[in-house]
Structures are given as C-alpha cells and as structure tokens.
C-alpha cells in the first residue's frame, strides 16, 4: 500500500484530504456518518468574534456543475465555539483540527486568533480573507496585498500556531497576495475560495439569492482552482493547500502535482456527506494506477 501521509506546516497528516470550512460544520455532526478520524484533518466552520445569523434567505442557488451560496459566515461566535462546539468535537476527533477564522477589522482577526491559540485541539489557524458573501470584511482584506499582509501580521502577533491564509480567486493576480502574506510571516496559503457568481429566476426576473450574488463552488471551478494553485506554488516557498471543485482521488493527485501539499474538499461534502471518506478510501487504488508509492513525492511534480 502506498504512503499517504504528508507534513503540513510541521504537523503530520495521515493523508492530505481535508474537508473545507463551511462544508463540514464543527465535525461532530458527521461523526454519525463515519469515523471522521480517517481524515487528514478538517477546517471547521468560519468563526468570528461575535455571533452571526448570516445573510437573509434564500441563500443557495443551484448551478450546472456546482452551486452558489451566500450563507454569510453564520456562526455562534468564538466564545461559544470554544465553550460548546470544541468540547463536542473532542469526544469524536483525536487529531489537531484547522480553525477557520474571519473578521471585519484587524482587531477582530487578532481577537479570534488569540482566543483559539489557547485551544489544544487546534493545530492550524486558517485565516479567511476571501469570503465574498459579507460586506466590510472577508474578501475586502484579500484583494489588496498590503491589507492581506496587515491581517497576517496581526494574527501572527498573537498565536504560535501555524497560520494558513485562505485567498480569493476574485483578484487580478493571486500570486501578489500570496507573496505579501508570505513576507509577513504566513506559514501556508490555502486557495481558492469561491468565485463570485449569480443566478436570475426567469419567472420573477430577479436574482435567486437574496444577497444578489454569492460564491460559486463545485466541479465547474476545478480548472480555475488548479491553475491558481499551480501559479501560487511557483511564487511562494511555503506550503499550499489546494481546493476548489475537488470531488475525487484523481482531483487530489492533480492538485498535488500542481503544488498542493494537502487538498480541501468542499461542495462534494454537501452532495454526499461521506465524500471525503470515499476519496480517502480510493486514494491507494488511484496511486497504484499512476505508479505513485508516496504522495509526498508528487507535490509540485508538474511545476
């Protein structure tokens, strides 16, 4: 059997498959479907300083080869995540988890990161500067290299855990943002978040989503994501976590050849709650098919 393990920012993963934030809750919700300890890790639901109800409904629209969502970072706030959600997770998951955080100011990013820095079950902090579904925060920090770097500096000042910055595809040159984050001390880069899209109801002649636009995800964005992972892996020396339309073991291998050390699975979890497990289960056969004995050896193989 091939070797599936990889090293992500100094922490060993049994395999490179990571359910993406916003598609896997706080993990324990999936524990009745399968033993989630088979995962490399997972990125839990995006967490902010204060509780958020999210955007008005409707906030989901179906698309060919994917969906549009405008959930808007609905979460109970960092204090309740620590007091209520993480204790439930610890009962079913014995590995370090990736904490996804967001904010509407540098102070908020730092506050949430500092609170989660004290949690022993948190292995990495994934800093979301790329959410297209909120106003005044999220993606507004991720479209300018200087602003992105400021967020990284603020977070790095309050945590000793590896900081992975999640970038937006809705920019002219994602590598400039990635390099700015690396220069300010980011330990890794994850990409891509969703592409900004919309649907219009032909009967009402109005946008389907109440927020007008939302994040397009699913298999349709995979080629775009792969291209940006490839470009970013060439531009920086820190690890890259690839995501965007991943739905098979072949997609994982392709992402890793493009330069990804680990690979997040997003919308596929919403279609099939067991999607990530199925991808992991099929990795050994896929590796054998393509003559791969150690997944770590193929990282950046196409660069």
C-alpha atoms as a PDB file:
ATOM      1  CA  UNK A   1       0.000   0.000   0.000  1.00  0.00           C
ATOM      2  CA  UNK A   2       1.303   3.465  -0.856  1.00  0.00           C
ATOM      3  CA  UNK A   3       2.310   6.069   1.685  1.00  0.00           C
ATOM      4  CA  UNK A   4      -0.465   8.653   2.085  1.00  0.00           C
ATOM      5  CA  UNK A   5       0.949  10.852   4.853  1.00  0.00           C
ATOM      6  CA  UNK A   6       2.119  14.430   4.321  1.00  0.00           C
ATOM      7  CA  UNK A   7       3.563  17.183   6.502  1.00  0.00           C
ATOM      8  CA  UNK A   8       1.585  20.419   6.691  1.00  0.00           C
ATOM      9  CA  UNK A   9       3.459  23.250   8.401  1.00  0.00           C
ATOM     10  CA  UNK A  10       5.258  20.835  10.720  1.00  0.00           C
ATOM     11  CA  UNK A  11       2.195  18.744  11.622  1.00  0.00           C
ATOM     12  CA  UNK A  12       1.845  15.257  10.172  1.00  0.00           C
ATOM     13  CA  UNK A  13      -1.372  14.305   8.394  1.00  0.00           C
ATOM     14  CA  UNK A  14      -2.251  10.632   7.851  1.00  0.00           C
ATOM     15  CA  UNK A  15      -3.457  11.682   4.403  1.00  0.00           C
ATOM     16  CA  UNK A  16      -3.820  15.009   2.560  1.00  0.00           C
ATOM     17  CA  UNK A  17      -7.652  15.122   2.483  1.00  0.00           C
ATOM     18  CA  UNK A  18      -9.257  17.968   4.472  1.00  0.00           C
ATOM     19  CA  UNK A  19     -12.979  18.841   4.399  1.00  0.00           C
ATOM     20  CA  UNK A  20     -13.204  22.581   3.772  1.00  0.00           C
ATOM     21  CA  UNK A  21     -14.622  25.174   6.126  1.00  0.00           C
ATOM     22  CA  UNK A  22     -18.330  25.756   5.740  1.00  0.00           C
ATOM     23  CA  UNK A  23     -18.983  22.270   4.374  1.00  0.00           C
ATOM     24  CA  UNK A  24     -18.275  20.179   7.491  1.00  0.00           C
ATOM     25  CA  UNK A  25     -19.735  22.127  10.422  1.00  0.00           C
ATOM     26  CA  UNK A  26     -17.702  21.562  13.562  1.00  0.00           C
ATOM     27  CA  UNK A  27     -17.023  17.963  12.610  1.00  0.00           C
ATOM     28  CA  UNK A  28     -19.024  16.109  15.220  1.00  0.00           C
ATOM     29  CA  UNK A  29     -22.134  16.458  13.030  1.00  0.00           C
ATOM     30  CA  UNK A  30     -20.529  13.988  10.604  1.00  0.00           C
ATOM     31  CA  UNK A  31     -19.382  11.522  13.253  1.00  0.00           C
ATOM     32  CA  UNK A  32     -22.605   9.524  12.926  1.00  0.00           C
ATOM     33  CA  UNK A  33     -21.975   9.093   9.195  1.00  0.00           C
ATOM     34  CA  UNK A  34     -18.437   7.700   9.533  1.00  0.00           C
ATOM     35  CA  UNK A  35     -15.383   7.775  11.813  1.00  0.00           C
ATOM     36  CA  UNK A  36     -14.019  11.219  10.997  1.00  0.00           C
ATOM     37  CA  UNK A  37     -10.588  10.225  12.344  1.00  0.00           C
ATOM     38  CA  UNK A  38      -9.913   8.774   8.889  1.00  0.00           C
ATOM     39  CA  UNK A  39      -9.496  12.377   7.683  1.00  0.00           C
ATOM     40  CA  UNK A  40      -6.154  14.140   7.473  1.00  0.00           C
ATOM     41  CA  UNK A  41      -7.915  16.871   9.423  1.00  0.00           C
ATOM     42  CA  UNK A  42     -10.766  19.272   8.646  1.00  0.00           C
ATOM     43  CA  UNK A  43     -11.312  23.015   8.689  1.00  0.00           C
ATOM     44  CA  UNK A  44     -14.208  23.929  10.952  1.00  0.00           C
ATOM     45  CA  UNK A  45     -16.947  26.444  10.267  1.00  0.00           C
ATOM     46  CA  UNK A  46     -15.744  30.015   9.777  1.00  0.00           C
ATOM     47  CA  UNK A  47     -15.669  31.716  13.173  1.00  0.00           C
ATOM     48  CA  UNK A  48     -15.949  35.414  14.017  1.00  0.00           C
ATOM     49  CA  UNK A  49     -15.693  37.429  17.222  1.00  0.00           C
ATOM     50  CA  UNK A  50     -19.448  37.915  17.605  1.00  0.00           C
ATOM     51  CA  UNK A  51     -22.277  35.524  16.697  1.00  0.00           C
ATOM     52  CA  UNK A  52     -23.639  35.933  13.165  1.00  0.00           C
ATOM     53  CA  UNK A  53     -27.035  34.897  11.834  1.00  0.00           C
ATOM     54  CA  UNK A  54     -25.718  35.103   8.285  1.00  0.00           C
ATOM     55  CA  UNK A  55     -27.369  36.579   5.224  1.00  0.00           C
ATOM     56  CA  UNK A  56     -31.116  36.642   4.532  1.00  0.00           C
ATOM     57  CA  UNK A  57     -32.678  33.730   2.663  1.00  0.00           C
ATOM     58  CA  UNK A  58     -32.782  32.418   0.011  1.00  0.00           C
ATOM     59  CA  UNK A  59     -29.031  32.000   0.048  1.00  0.00           C
ATOM     60  CA  UNK A  60     -28.439  28.893  -2.068  1.00  0.00           C
ATOM     61  CA  UNK A  61     -28.846  28.614  -5.842  1.00  0.00           C
ATOM     62  CA  UNK A  62     -28.197  25.538  -7.960  1.00  0.00           C
ATOM     63  CA  UNK A  63     -25.896  25.782 -10.986  1.00  0.00           C
ATOM     64  CA  UNK A  64     -24.566  23.425 -13.621  1.00  0.00           C
ATOM     65  CA  UNK A  65     -21.583  21.643 -12.078  1.00  0.00           C
ATOM     66  CA  UNK A  66     -21.966  23.337  -8.696  1.00  0.00           C
ATOM     67  CA  UNK A  67     -23.894  25.782  -6.571  1.00  0.00           C
ATOM     68  CA  UNK A  68     -23.928  29.382  -5.400  1.00  0.00           C
ATOM     69  CA  UNK A  69     -24.035  30.077  -1.673  1.00  0.00           C
ATOM     70  CA  UNK A  70     -24.414  33.296   0.253  1.00  0.00           C
ATOM     71  CA  UNK A  71     -24.574  31.982   3.805  1.00  0.00           C
ATOM     72  CA  UNK A  72     -22.583  34.907   5.173  1.00  0.00           C
ATOM     73  CA  UNK A  73     -20.412  33.352   7.887  1.00  0.00           C
ATOM     74  CA  UNK A  74     -23.263  32.155  10.095  1.00  0.00           C
ATOM     75  CA  UNK A  75     -21.664  31.003  13.353  1.00  0.00           C
ATOM     76  CA  UNK A  76     -22.186  31.239  17.142  1.00  0.00           C
ATOM     77  CA  UNK A  77     -19.122  33.435  17.794  1.00  0.00           C
ATOM     78  CA  UNK A  78     -15.715  32.389  19.086  1.00  0.00           C
ATOM     79  CA  UNK A  79     -16.629  32.190  22.776  1.00  0.00           C
ATOM     80  CA  UNK A  80     -19.435  29.710  22.156  1.00  0.00           C
ATOM     81  CA  UNK A  81     -17.293  27.793  19.679  1.00  0.00           C
ATOM     82  CA  UNK A  82     -14.767  27.304  22.480  1.00  0.00           C
ATOM     83  CA  UNK A  83     -17.296  26.558  25.230  1.00  0.00           C
ATOM     84  CA  UNK A  84     -19.827  24.482  23.285  1.00  0.00           C
ATOM     85  CA  UNK A  85     -18.573  23.261  19.904  1.00  0.00           C
ATOM     86  CA  UNK A  86     -14.995  22.195  20.629  1.00  0.00           C
ATOM     87  CA  UNK A  87     -15.920  20.035  23.669  1.00  0.00           C
ATOM     88  CA  UNK A  88     -18.306  18.074  21.411  1.00  0.00           C
ATOM     89  CA  UNK A  89     -15.582  17.735  18.784  1.00  0.00           C
ATOM     90  CA  UNK A  90     -13.010  16.439  21.276  1.00  0.00           C
ATOM     91  CA  UNK A  91     -15.288  13.495  22.051  1.00  0.00           C
ATOM     92  CA  UNK A  92     -15.156  12.196  18.474  1.00  0.00           C
ATOM     93  CA  UNK A  93     -11.938  13.563  16.912  1.00  0.00           C
ATOM     94  CA  UNK A  94      -8.481  12.858  18.283  1.00  0.00           C
ATOM     95  CA  UNK A  95      -6.389  14.800  15.750  1.00  0.00           C
ATOM     96  CA  UNK A  96      -5.480  18.506  15.534  1.00  0.00           C
ATOM     97  CA  UNK A  97      -8.216  20.498  13.789  1.00  0.00           C
ATOM     98  CA  UNK A  98      -7.885  23.516  11.494  1.00  0.00           C
ATOM     99  CA  UNK A  99      -9.643  26.603  12.888  1.00  0.00           C
ATOM    100  CA  UNK A 100     -11.036  28.877  10.176  1.00  0.00           C
ATOM    101  CA  UNK A 101     -11.411  32.487  11.324  1.00  0.00           C
ATOM    102  CA  UNK A 102     -12.712  35.714   9.820  1.00  0.00           C
ATOM    103  CA  UNK A 103     -13.225  39.310  10.897  1.00  0.00           C
ATOM    104  CA  UNK A 104     -14.279  42.807   9.957  1.00  0.00           C
ATOM    105  CA  UNK A 105     -11.165  44.548  11.292  1.00  0.00           C
ATOM    106  CA  UNK A 106      -7.576  43.703  12.142  1.00  0.00           C
ATOM    107  CA  UNK A 107      -8.559  43.757  15.809  1.00  0.00           C
ATOM    108  CA  UNK A 108     -11.284  41.182  15.268  1.00  0.00           C
ATOM    109  CA  UNK A 109      -8.979  38.815  13.398  1.00  0.00           C
ATOM    110  CA  UNK A 110      -6.422  39.105  16.208  1.00  0.00           C
ATOM    111  CA  UNK A 111      -9.062  38.622  18.917  1.00  0.00           C
ATOM    112  CA  UNK A 112     -10.402  35.393  17.421  1.00  0.00           C
ATOM    113  CA  UNK A 113      -6.916  34.032  16.695  1.00  0.00           C
ATOM    114  CA  UNK A 114      -5.729  34.739  20.223  1.00  0.00           C
ATOM    115  CA  UNK A 115      -8.750  33.032  21.760  1.00  0.00           C
ATOM    116  CA  UNK A 116      -8.262  29.918  19.636  1.00  0.00           C
ATOM    117  CA  UNK A 117      -4.498  29.877  20.208  1.00  0.00           C
ATOM    118  CA  UNK A 118      -5.188  28.557  23.703  1.00  0.00           C
ATOM    119  CA  UNK A 119      -7.115  25.516  22.482  1.00  0.00           C
ATOM    120  CA  UNK A 120      -5.004  22.354  22.460  1.00  0.00           C
ATOM    121  CA  UNK A 121      -7.138  20.676  19.793  1.00  0.00           C
ATOM    122  CA  UNK A 122      -6.429  23.466  17.272  1.00  0.00           C
ATOM    123  CA  UNK A 123      -3.427  22.644  15.106  1.00  0.00           C
ATOM    124  CA  UNK A 124      -3.563  25.395  12.469  1.00  0.00           C
ATOM    125  CA  UNK A 125      -5.352  28.710  12.105  1.00  0.00           C
ATOM    126  CA  UNK A 126      -6.786  29.232   8.625  1.00  0.00           C
ATOM    127  CA  UNK A 127      -7.354  32.954   8.136  1.00  0.00           C
ATOM    128  CA  UNK A 128     -10.189  33.657   5.729  1.00  0.00           C
ATOM    129  CA  UNK A 129      -9.545  36.912   3.901  1.00  0.00           C
ATOM    130  CA  UNK A 130     -11.584  35.778   0.916  1.00  0.00           C
ATOM    131  CA  UNK A 131     -15.272  35.380   1.778  1.00  0.00           C
ATOM    132  CA  UNK A 132     -17.347  37.038  -0.986  1.00  0.00           C
ATOM    133  CA  UNK A 133     -20.595  36.920   1.000  1.00  0.00           C
ATOM    134  CA  UNK A 134     -20.098  39.597   3.673  1.00  0.00           C
ATOM    135  CA  UNK A 135     -19.798  43.372   3.469  1.00  0.00           C
ATOM    136  CA  UNK A 136     -16.965  45.299   5.094  1.00  0.00           C
ATOM    137  CA  UNK A 137     -14.767  42.316   5.841  1.00  0.00           C
ATOM    138  CA  UNK A 138     -13.674  38.979   4.448  1.00  0.00           C
ATOM    139  CA  UNK A 139     -12.779  39.464   0.797  1.00  0.00           C
ATOM    140  CA  UNK A 140     -12.081  43.187   1.195  1.00  0.00           C
ATOM    141  CA  UNK A 141      -8.867  42.252   3.046  1.00  0.00           C
ATOM    142  CA  UNK A 142      -7.909  39.646   0.461  1.00  0.00           C
ATOM    143  CA  UNK A 143      -7.948  41.764  -2.687  1.00  0.00           C
ATOM    144  CA  UNK A 144      -5.048  44.059  -1.735  1.00  0.00           C
ATOM    145  CA  UNK A 145      -1.530  42.817  -0.910  1.00  0.00           C
ATOM    146  CA  UNK A 146      -0.972  45.447   1.778  1.00  0.00           C
ATOM    147  CA  UNK A 147      -4.256  44.725   3.564  1.00  0.00           C
ATOM    148  CA  UNK A 148      -3.649  40.991   3.361  1.00  0.00           C
ATOM    149  CA  UNK A 149      -0.214  41.425   4.882  1.00  0.00           C
ATOM    150  CA  UNK A 150      -1.630  43.509   7.715  1.00  0.00           C
ATOM    151  CA  UNK A 151      -4.051  40.729   8.643  1.00  0.00           C
ATOM    152  CA  UNK A 152      -1.212  38.204   8.668  1.00  0.00           C
ATOM    153  CA  UNK A 153       0.903  40.444  10.919  1.00  0.00           C
ATOM    154  CA  UNK A 154      -1.992  40.954  13.325  1.00  0.00           C
ATOM    155  CA  UNK A 155      -2.678  37.236  13.609  1.00  0.00           C
ATOM    156  CA  UNK A 156       0.963  36.140  13.806  1.00  0.00           C
ATOM    157  CA  UNK A 157       1.481  38.538  16.720  1.00  0.00           C
ATOM    158  CA  UNK A 158      -0.998  36.641  18.907  1.00  0.00           C
ATOM    159  CA  UNK A 159      -0.563  32.960  18.024  1.00  0.00           C
ATOM    160  CA  UNK A 160       2.203  30.378  17.969  1.00  0.00           C
ATOM    161  CA  UNK A 161       0.179  28.019  15.807  1.00  0.00           C
ATOM    162  CA  UNK A 162       0.837  27.765  12.055  1.00  0.00           C
ATOM    163  CA  UNK A 163      -1.126  30.418  10.163  1.00  0.00           C
ATOM    164  CA  UNK A 164      -2.543  29.465   6.766  1.00  0.00           C
ATOM    165  CA  UNK A 165      -4.128  32.291   4.767  1.00  0.00           C
ATOM    166  CA  UNK A 166      -7.147  31.477   2.586  1.00  0.00           C
ATOM    167  CA  UNK A 167      -7.119  33.533  -0.613  1.00  0.00           C
ATOM    168  CA  UNK A 168      -9.768  34.693  -3.047  1.00  0.00           C
ATOM    169  CA  UNK A 169      -9.796  33.925  -6.783  1.00  0.00           C
ATOM    170  CA  UNK A 170     -11.625  37.211  -7.364  1.00  0.00           C
ATOM    171  CA  UNK A 171      -8.408  39.169  -7.958  1.00  0.00           C
ATOM    172  CA  UNK A 172      -6.234  40.078 -10.937  1.00  0.00           C
ATOM    173  CA  UNK A 173      -3.072  38.331  -9.687  1.00  0.00           C
ATOM    174  CA  UNK A 174      -3.410  35.931  -6.755  1.00  0.00           C
ATOM    175  CA  UNK A 175       0.367  35.460  -6.544  1.00  0.00           C
ATOM    176  CA  UNK A 176       0.888  39.058  -5.431  1.00  0.00           C
ATOM    177  CA  UNK A 177      -1.466  38.494  -2.482  1.00  0.00           C
ATOM    178  CA  UNK A 178       0.235  35.189  -1.666  1.00  0.00           C
ATOM    179  CA  UNK A 179       3.714  36.723  -1.703  1.00  0.00           C
ATOM    180  CA  UNK A 180       2.585  39.590   0.541  1.00  0.00           C
ATOM    181  CA  UNK A 181       1.253  37.063   3.059  1.00  0.00           C
ATOM    182  CA  UNK A 182       4.481  35.061   2.918  1.00  0.00           C
ATOM    183  CA  UNK A 183       6.556  38.187   3.511  1.00  0.00           C
ATOM    184  CA  UNK A 184       4.564  38.966   6.671  1.00  0.00           C
ATOM    185  CA  UNK A 185       5.140  35.504   8.097  1.00  0.00           C
ATOM    186  CA  UNK A 186       2.307  33.300   6.860  1.00  0.00           C
ATOM    187  CA  UNK A 187       3.147  29.619   7.295  1.00  0.00           C
ATOM    188  CA  UNK A 188       0.973  28.466   4.408  1.00  0.00           C
ATOM    189  CA  UNK A 189      -1.523  29.526   1.755  1.00  0.00           C
ATOM    190  CA  UNK A 190      -4.881  27.898   1.006  1.00  0.00           C
ATOM    191  CA  UNK A 191      -6.823  28.543  -2.182  1.00  0.00           C
ATOM    192  CA  UNK A 192      -9.174  29.026  -3.791  1.00  0.00           C
ATOM    193  CA  UNK A 193     -12.275  30.295  -2.064  1.00  0.00           C
ATOM    194  CA  UNK A 194     -15.417  30.578  -4.162  1.00  0.00           C
ATOM    195  CA  UNK A 195     -15.767  32.544  -7.384  1.00  0.00           C
ATOM    196  CA  UNK A 196     -18.292  35.366  -7.287  1.00  0.00           C
ATOM    197  CA  UNK A 197     -21.396  34.434  -9.262  1.00  0.00           C
ATOM    198  CA  UNK A 198     -25.155  34.812  -9.521  1.00  0.00           C
ATOM    199  CA  UNK A 199     -28.367  33.305 -10.927  1.00  0.00           C
ATOM    200  CA  UNK A 200     -31.567  35.026 -12.098  1.00  0.00           C
ATOM    201  CA  UNK A 201     -35.018  33.464 -11.759  1.00  0.00           C
ATOM    202  CA  UNK A 202     -36.644  33.669 -15.200  1.00  0.00           C
ATOM    203  CA  UNK A 203     -40.155  33.776 -13.739  1.00  0.00           C
ATOM    204  CA  UNK A 204     -39.596  36.580 -11.230  1.00  0.00           C
ATOM    205  CA  UNK A 205     -36.795  38.200 -13.254  1.00  0.00           C
ATOM    206  CA  UNK A 206     -34.948  38.756 -10.001  1.00  0.00           C
ATOM    207  CA  UNK A 207     -31.684  37.304  -8.636  1.00  0.00           C
ATOM    208  CA  UNK A 208     -32.279  33.936  -6.959  1.00  0.00           C
ATOM    209  CA  UNK A 209     -30.083  34.759  -3.965  1.00  0.00           C
ATOM    210  CA  UNK A 210     -31.316  37.479  -1.595  1.00  0.00           C
ATOM    211  CA  UNK A 211     -27.808  38.897  -1.386  1.00  0.00           C
ATOM    212  CA  UNK A 212     -27.876  39.185  -5.221  1.00  0.00           C
ATOM    213  CA  UNK A 213     -24.530  37.412  -5.632  1.00  0.00           C
ATOM    214  CA  UNK A 214     -22.738  34.599  -3.866  1.00  0.00           C
ATOM    215  CA  UNK A 215     -19.834  32.208  -4.031  1.00  0.00           C
ATOM    216  CA  UNK A 216     -19.829  29.691  -6.893  1.00  0.00           C
ATOM    217  CA  UNK A 217     -18.301  26.339  -5.966  1.00  0.00           C
ATOM    218  CA  UNK A 218     -18.298  22.784  -7.247  1.00  0.00           C
ATOM    219  CA  UNK A 219     -16.628  20.793 -10.047  1.00  0.00           C
ATOM    220  CA  UNK A 220     -17.073  23.663 -12.511  1.00  0.00           C
ATOM    221  CA  UNK A 221     -14.362  25.727 -10.820  1.00  0.00           C
ATOM    222  CA  UNK A 222     -11.729  22.970 -10.613  1.00  0.00           C
ATOM    223  CA  UNK A 223      -9.649  24.079 -13.644  1.00  0.00           C
ATOM    224  CA  UNK A 224      -9.526  27.658 -12.327  1.00  0.00           C
ATOM    225  CA  UNK A 225      -8.518  26.459  -8.862  1.00  0.00           C
ATOM    226  CA  UNK A 226      -5.843  24.159 -10.274  1.00  0.00           C
ATOM    227  CA  UNK A 227      -4.347  26.997 -12.304  1.00  0.00           C
ATOM    228  CA  UNK A 228      -4.182  29.303  -9.275  1.00  0.00           C
ATOM    229  CA  UNK A 229      -2.658  26.592  -7.062  1.00  0.00           C
ATOM    230  CA  UNK A 230      -0.014  25.996  -9.741  1.00  0.00           C
ATOM    231  CA  UNK A 231       0.782  29.713 -10.025  1.00  0.00           C
ATOM    232  CA  UNK A 232       0.908  30.212  -6.263  1.00  0.00           C
ATOM    233  CA  UNK A 233       3.078  27.162  -5.613  1.00  0.00           C
ATOM    234  CA  UNK A 234       5.603  28.587  -8.105  1.00  0.00           C
ATOM    235  CA  UNK A 235       5.506  32.014  -6.457  1.00  0.00           C
ATOM    236  CA  UNK A 236       5.975  31.110  -2.771  1.00  0.00           C
ATOM    237  CA  UNK A 237       8.151  28.783  -0.727  1.00  0.00           C
ATOM    238  CA  UNK A 238       5.584  27.998   1.977  1.00  0.00           C
ATOM    239  CA  UNK A 239       3.110  25.090   1.701  1.00  0.00           C
ATOM    240  CA  UNK A 240      -0.023  25.477  -0.403  1.00  0.00           C
ATOM    241  CA  UNK A 241      -3.360  23.837   0.397  1.00  0.00           C
ATOM    242  CA  UNK A 242      -5.381  23.399  -2.775  1.00  0.00           C
ATOM    243  CA  UNK A 243      -9.165  23.409  -3.058  1.00  0.00           C
ATOM    244  CA  UNK A 244     -11.949  24.232  -5.469  1.00  0.00           C
ATOM    245  CA  UNK A 245     -14.194  21.652  -7.105  1.00  0.00           C
ATOM    246  CA  UNK A 246     -12.307  18.631  -5.746  1.00  0.00           C
ATOM    247  CA  UNK A 247     -14.535  15.556  -5.855  1.00  0.00           C
ATOM    248  CA  UNK A 248     -12.302  12.531  -6.495  1.00  0.00           C
ATOM    249  CA  UNK A 249      -8.970  10.935  -5.647  1.00  0.00           C
ATOM    250  CA  UNK A 250      -7.789  11.867  -9.145  1.00  0.00           C
ATOM    251  CA  UNK A 251      -8.544  15.512  -8.363  1.00  0.00           C
ATOM    252  CA  UNK A 252      -6.434  15.229  -5.192  1.00  0.00           C
ATOM    253  CA  UNK A 253      -3.489  13.828  -7.144  1.00  0.00           C
ATOM    254  CA  UNK A 254      -3.850  16.556  -9.773  1.00  0.00           C
ATOM    255  CA  UNK A 255      -3.883  19.280  -7.120  1.00  0.00           C
ATOM    256  CA  UNK A 256      -0.767  17.838  -5.508  1.00  0.00           C
ATOM    257  CA  UNK A 257       1.048  17.676  -8.844  1.00  0.00           C
ATOM    258  CA  UNK A 258       0.175  21.379  -9.232  1.00  0.00           C
ATOM    259  CA  UNK A 259       1.950  22.085  -5.941  1.00  0.00           C
ATOM    260  CA  UNK A 260      -0.557  21.427  -3.154  1.00  0.00           C
ATOM    261  CA  UNK A 261       0.760  19.775   0.000  1.00  0.00           C
ATOM    262  CA  UNK A 262      -2.794  18.999   1.153  1.00  0.00           C
ATOM    263  CA  UNK A 263      -6.201  19.259  -0.525  1.00  0.00           C
ATOM    264  CA  UNK A 264      -9.509  20.530   0.845  1.00  0.00           C
ATOM    265  CA  UNK A 265     -12.832  19.071  -0.259  1.00  0.00           C
ATOM    266  CA  UNK A 266     -15.770  21.479  -0.184  1.00  0.00           C
ATOM    267  CA  UNK A 267     -19.067  21.236  -2.042  1.00  0.00           C
ATOM    268  CA  UNK A 268     -18.723  17.476  -2.526  1.00  0.00           C
ATOM    269  CA  UNK A 269     -19.460  17.096   1.205  1.00  0.00           C
ATOM    270  CA  UNK A 270     -22.777  18.877   0.711  1.00  0.00           C
ATOM    271  CA  UNK A 271     -23.760  16.498  -2.090  1.00  0.00           C
ATOM    272  CA  UNK A 272     -22.570  13.371  -0.263  1.00  0.00           C
ATOM    273  CA  UNK A 273     -21.717  13.570   3.475  1.00  0.00           C
ATOM    274  CA  UNK A 274     -19.309  10.644   3.021  1.00  0.00           C
ATOM    275  CA  UNK A 275     -17.498  12.202   0.046  1.00  0.00           C
ATOM    276  CA  UNK A 276     -14.206  12.876   1.844  1.00  0.00           C
ATOM    277  CA  UNK A 277     -14.056   9.341   3.239  1.00  0.00           C
ATOM    278  CA  UNK A 278     -14.734   7.879  -0.199  1.00  0.00           C
ATOM    279  CA  UNK A 279     -11.917   9.964  -1.675  1.00  0.00           C
ATOM    280  CA  UNK A 280      -9.513   8.741   1.012  1.00  0.00           C
ATOM    281  CA  UNK A 281     -10.608   5.131   0.518  1.00  0.00           C
ATOM    282  CA  UNK A 282      -9.943   5.354  -3.230  1.00  0.00           C
ATOM    283  CA  UNK A 283      -6.543   7.053  -2.950  1.00  0.00           C
ATOM    284  CA  UNK A 284      -4.477   3.818  -2.685  1.00  0.00           C
ATOM    285  CA  UNK A 285      -6.028   2.394  -5.866  1.00  0.00           C
ATOM    286  CA  UNK A 286      -5.508   5.705  -7.677  1.00  0.00           C
ATOM    287  CA  UNK A 287      -1.882   5.838  -6.540  1.00  0.00           C
ATOM    288  CA  UNK A 288      -1.304   2.311  -7.794  1.00  0.00           C
ATOM    289  CA  UNK A 289      -2.926   3.185 -11.127  1.00  0.00           C
ATOM    290  CA  UNK A 290      -0.488   6.060 -11.686  1.00  0.00           C
ATOM    291  CA  UNK A 291       2.602   4.418 -10.191  1.00  0.00           C
ATOM    292  CA  UNK A 292       2.734   6.559  -7.044  1.00  0.00           C
ATOM    293  CA  UNK A 293       4.278   4.998  -3.948  1.00  0.00           C
ATOM    294  CA  UNK A 294       4.477   8.095  -1.733  1.00  0.00           C
ATOM    295  CA  UNK A 295       2.107  11.048  -2.083  1.00  0.00           C
ATOM    296  CA  UNK A 296       4.680  13.437  -0.642  1.00  0.00           C
ATOM    297  CA  UNK A 297       6.930  12.706  -3.602  1.00  0.00           C
ATOM    298  CA  UNK A 298       4.477  14.106  -6.147  1.00  0.00           C
ATOM    299  CA  UNK A 299       3.952  17.537  -4.515  1.00  0.00           C
ATOM    300  CA  UNK A 300       4.743  20.085  -7.210  1.00  0.00           C
ATOM    301  CA  UNK A 301       5.591  17.364  -9.713  1.00  0.00           C
ATOM    302  CA  UNK A 302       4.131  19.396 -12.582  1.00  0.00           C
ATOM    303  CA  UNK A 303       5.959  22.627 -11.701  1.00  0.00           C
END
